[in-house]
């Protein structure tokens, strides 16, 4: 974008990032994408990925808390085997959380549903950046709400554009610019018919 002054956004100032940091720009765009989909586009967000990772993380923390409390009350010789089991279980749960993030969630930043033309659809959005490339890549996949999660009756639709079109020189995001770039892509994805 240009050096023009950023416009005021609803709910306060838009986030400002270091314009040379792709990861920061991606995170801010991901958050703006989620807000756009749940706000202007009317999707209800599923939080399944977050819930699974929280469940595994809390389970690991509860094991650590149990082991701490147990070893506080009992001498080491009585607790060494339970401590070993808790440590192993902690690492297993932490490993499962990591595997879930890499193998199941992958680059998915949004999963939500809404009714379009009388039919419920589920939209998932995955985003990524490539090292040294100032492009924001987003892939949308849609399936009917009645279909299982593993199925997708349409080919994913990919979109890529420059971060420079949605950030000012100061590093501030312009959410309306991001929405303007995403709107035609989402309109085409939502207009497809599903059997």
Protein backbone atom coordinates (compact mmCIF):
# COMPACT_ATOMS: atom_id res chain seq x y z
CA UNK A 1 0.00 0.00 0.00
CA UNK A 2 1.03 3.61 0.03
CA UNK A 3 2.19 6.02 2.69
CA UNK A 4 -1.40 7.23 3.09
CA UNK A 5 -2.74 7.37 6.60
CA UNK A 6 -4.47 4.20 7.75
CA UNK A 7 -8.19 4.44 8.16
CA UNK A 8 -9.76 3.96 11.57
CA UNK A 9 -11.13 0.48 12.03
CA UNK A 10 -14.16 -0.65 13.93
CA UNK A 11 -13.16 -1.65 17.43
CA UNK A 12 -9.85 0.26 17.56
CA UNK A 13 -6.58 0.38 15.72
CA UNK A 14 -5.52 -2.29 13.30
CA UNK A 15 -2.44 -4.26 14.35
CA UNK A 16 0.99 -2.94 13.38
CA UNK A 17 3.83 -5.29 12.51
CA UNK A 18 7.41 -5.11 11.36
CA UNK A 19 7.00 -5.05 7.61
CA UNK A 20 10.06 -7.26 7.10
CA UNK A 21 8.79 -10.08 9.32
CA UNK A 22 6.72 -12.56 7.30
CA UNK A 23 5.64 -14.54 10.34
CA UNK A 24 4.17 -11.49 12.05
CA UNK A 25 2.38 -10.45 8.85
CA UNK A 26 0.98 -13.96 8.40
CA UNK A 27 -0.31 -14.13 11.99
CA UNK A 28 -1.99 -10.72 11.68
CA UNK A 29 -3.54 -11.67 8.31
CA UNK A 30 -4.73 -15.00 9.76
CA UNK A 31 -6.46 -13.20 12.62
CA UNK A 32 -8.01 -10.68 10.21
CA UNK A 33 -9.15 -13.57 7.98
CA UNK A 34 -10.87 -15.24 10.95
CA UNK A 35 -12.56 -11.97 11.93
CA UNK A 36 -13.70 -11.38 8.36
CA UNK A 37 -15.13 -14.89 7.99
CA UNK A 38 -16.97 -14.82 11.33
CA UNK A 39 -18.06 -11.19 10.99
CA UNK A 40 -18.82 -10.04 7.45
CA UNK A 41 -19.24 -13.52 5.94
CA UNK A 42 -21.37 -14.92 8.78
CA UNK A 43 -19.54 -18.18 9.48
CA UNK A 44 -19.73 -19.90 12.85
CA UNK A 45 -16.26 -21.09 13.77
CA UNK A 46 -15.45 -24.65 14.84
CA UNK A 47 -12.79 -24.77 17.54
CA UNK A 48 -12.04 -28.49 17.31
CA UNK A 49 -8.31 -28.11 16.61
CA UNK A 50 -7.85 -25.76 19.55
CA UNK A 51 -9.96 -27.98 21.82
CA UNK A 52 -7.94 -31.10 21.05
CA UNK A 53 -4.61 -29.36 21.68
CA UNK A 54 -5.93 -27.78 24.89
CA UNK A 55 -7.22 -31.14 26.13
CA UNK A 56 -3.86 -32.80 25.53
CA UNK A 57 -1.97 -29.88 27.10
CA UNK A 58 -4.20 -29.71 30.16
CA UNK A 59 -3.93 -33.48 30.57
CA UNK A 60 -0.13 -33.21 30.58
CA UNK A 61 -0.25 -30.35 33.11
CA UNK A 62 -2.64 -32.27 35.38
CA UNK A 63 -0.24 -35.22 35.37
CA UNK A 64 2.61 -32.90 36.36
CA UNK A 65 0.49 -31.32 39.12
CA UNK A 66 -0.55 -34.76 40.42
CA UNK A 67 3.05 -35.93 40.48
CA UNK A 68 4.17 -32.76 42.29
CA UNK A 69 1.48 -33.12 44.94
CA UNK A 70 2.14 -36.85 45.39
CA UNK A 71 5.90 -36.46 45.71
CA UNK A 72 5.41 -33.60 48.15
CA UNK A 73 3.59 -35.90 50.58
CA UNK A 74 5.54 -39.12 50.13
CA UNK A 75 9.28 -39.93 50.22
CA UNK A 76 11.19 -40.37 46.97
CA UNK A 77 11.53 -44.14 47.26
CA UNK A 78 7.73 -44.53 47.29
CA UNK A 79 7.12 -42.17 44.39
CA UNK A 80 9.90 -42.89 41.93
CA UNK A 81 7.84 -45.30 39.80
CA UNK A 82 4.77 -43.06 39.74
CA UNK A 83 7.04 -40.14 38.81
CA UNK A 84 8.50 -42.19 35.98
CA UNK A 85 5.00 -43.03 34.72
CA UNK A 86 3.91 -39.38 34.97
CA UNK A 87 7.00 -38.16 33.10
CA UNK A 88 6.50 -40.72 30.33
CA UNK A 89 2.78 -39.89 30.08
CA UNK A 90 3.58 -36.16 30.02
CA UNK A 91 5.93 -36.61 27.06
CA UNK A 92 3.45 -38.87 25.27
CA UNK A 93 0.66 -36.28 25.62
CA UNK A 94 2.99 -33.47 24.56
CA UNK A 95 4.12 -35.55 21.58
CA UNK A 96 0.51 -36.29 20.61
CA UNK A 97 -0.25 -32.58 20.70
CA UNK A 98 2.70 -31.85 18.44
CA UNK A 99 1.78 -34.66 16.04
CA UNK A 100 -1.82 -33.42 15.93
CA UNK A 101 -0.63 -29.93 15.02
CA UNK A 102 1.66 -31.20 12.23
CA UNK A 103 -0.35 -34.09 10.82
CA UNK A 104 -4.00 -33.09 11.32
CA UNK A 105 -4.26 -29.34 11.74
CA UNK A 106 -1.35 -28.52 9.41
CA UNK A 107 -1.74 -24.94 8.11
CA UNK A 108 -5.46 -24.69 8.89
CA UNK A 109 -6.33 -21.32 10.44
CA UNK A 110 -10.12 -21.46 10.19
CA UNK A 111 -12.89 -24.06 10.03
CA UNK A 112 -16.46 -22.81 10.11
CA UNK A 113 -19.95 -23.39 8.76
CA UNK A 114 -22.94 -21.43 7.52
CA UNK A 115 -26.05 -21.88 5.40
CA UNK A 116 -25.79 -20.79 1.76
CA UNK A 117 -28.88 -21.08 -0.48
CA UNK A 118 -30.59 -23.35 2.03
CA UNK A 119 -27.67 -25.76 2.30
CA UNK A 120 -25.14 -25.90 5.13
CA UNK A 121 -21.51 -25.74 4.06
CA UNK A 122 -18.25 -26.13 5.95
CA UNK A 123 -15.37 -23.90 4.91
CA UNK A 124 -11.79 -24.49 5.93
CA UNK A 125 -8.99 -22.02 5.27
CA UNK A 126 -5.31 -22.86 5.36
CA UNK A 127 -2.60 -20.25 5.01
CA UNK A 128 1.13 -20.23 4.61
CA UNK A 129 4.07 -18.10 3.59
CA UNK A 130 7.17 -19.19 1.75
CA UNK A 131 10.57 -18.10 2.94
CA UNK A 132 11.78 -15.03 1.09
CA UNK A 133 8.47 -14.58 -0.75
CA UNK A 134 6.25 -11.65 0.22
CA UNK A 135 3.06 -13.51 -0.76
CA UNK A 136 0.20 -14.58 1.50
CA UNK A 137 -1.09 -17.96 0.33
CA UNK A 138 -4.60 -19.06 1.33
CA UNK A 139 -6.38 -22.26 0.32
CA UNK A 140 -10.13 -22.63 0.81
CA UNK A 141 -11.84 -26.02 0.83
CA UNK A 142 -15.61 -26.43 1.06
CA UNK A 143 -17.83 -29.42 1.73
CA UNK A 144 -21.50 -29.87 2.52
CA UNK A 145 -22.28 -29.88 6.25
CA UNK A 146 -23.83 -33.35 5.90
CA UNK A 147 -20.60 -34.92 4.58
CA UNK A 148 -17.95 -36.45 6.86
CA UNK A 149 -14.92 -34.34 7.72
CA UNK A 150 -12.56 -36.39 5.55
CA UNK A 151 -14.52 -35.73 2.36
CA UNK A 152 -14.36 -32.69 0.13
CA UNK A 153 -16.61 -32.60 -2.90
CA UNK A 154 -14.86 -29.66 -4.54
CA UNK A 155 -11.26 -29.02 -5.40
CA UNK A 156 -9.59 -26.58 -3.03
CA UNK A 157 -9.37 -23.02 -4.30
CA UNK A 158 -6.05 -21.29 -3.78
CA UNK A 159 -5.35 -17.60 -3.57
CA UNK A 160 -2.07 -15.70 -3.28
CA UNK A 161 -1.33 -12.02 -3.15
CA UNK A 162 1.30 -9.64 -1.89
CA UNK A 163 1.42 -8.49 1.71
CA UNK A 164 2.08 -5.04 0.27
CA UNK A 165 -1.54 -4.79 -0.82
CA UNK A 166 -2.89 -5.11 2.73
CA UNK A 167 -0.20 -3.41 4.85
CA UNK A 168 0.78 0.25 4.91
CA UNK A 169 4.42 1.29 4.86
CA UNK A 170 4.13 1.79 8.62
CA UNK A 171 3.31 -1.93 8.99
CA UNK A 172 -0.34 -1.40 9.87
CA UNK A 173 -2.89 -3.80 8.40
CA UNK A 174 -5.81 -2.45 6.40
CA UNK A 175 -8.55 -5.07 7.03
CA UNK A 176 -10.81 -3.69 4.31
CA UNK A 177 -8.05 -4.25 1.73
CA UNK A 178 -7.70 -7.88 2.82
CA UNK A 179 -11.48 -8.31 2.69
CA UNK A 180 -11.56 -6.83 -0.83
CA UNK A 181 -8.96 -9.35 -1.99
CA UNK A 182 -10.73 -12.32 -0.39
CA UNK A 183 -14.32 -11.45 -1.31
CA UNK A 184 -14.30 -12.58 -4.99
CA UNK A 185 -12.53 -15.83 -4.09
CA UNK A 186 -15.03 -16.63 -1.32
CA UNK A 187 -17.98 -15.66 -3.54
CA UNK A 188 -16.84 -18.18 -6.16
CA UNK A 189 -16.24 -20.89 -3.54
CA UNK A 190 -19.63 -20.39 -1.89
CA UNK A 191 -21.52 -20.27 -5.20
CA UNK A 192 -20.54 -23.82 -6.18
CA UNK A 193 -23.31 -26.40 -5.99
CA UNK A 194 -22.96 -29.58 -3.96
CA UNK A 195 -24.85 -32.82 -4.51
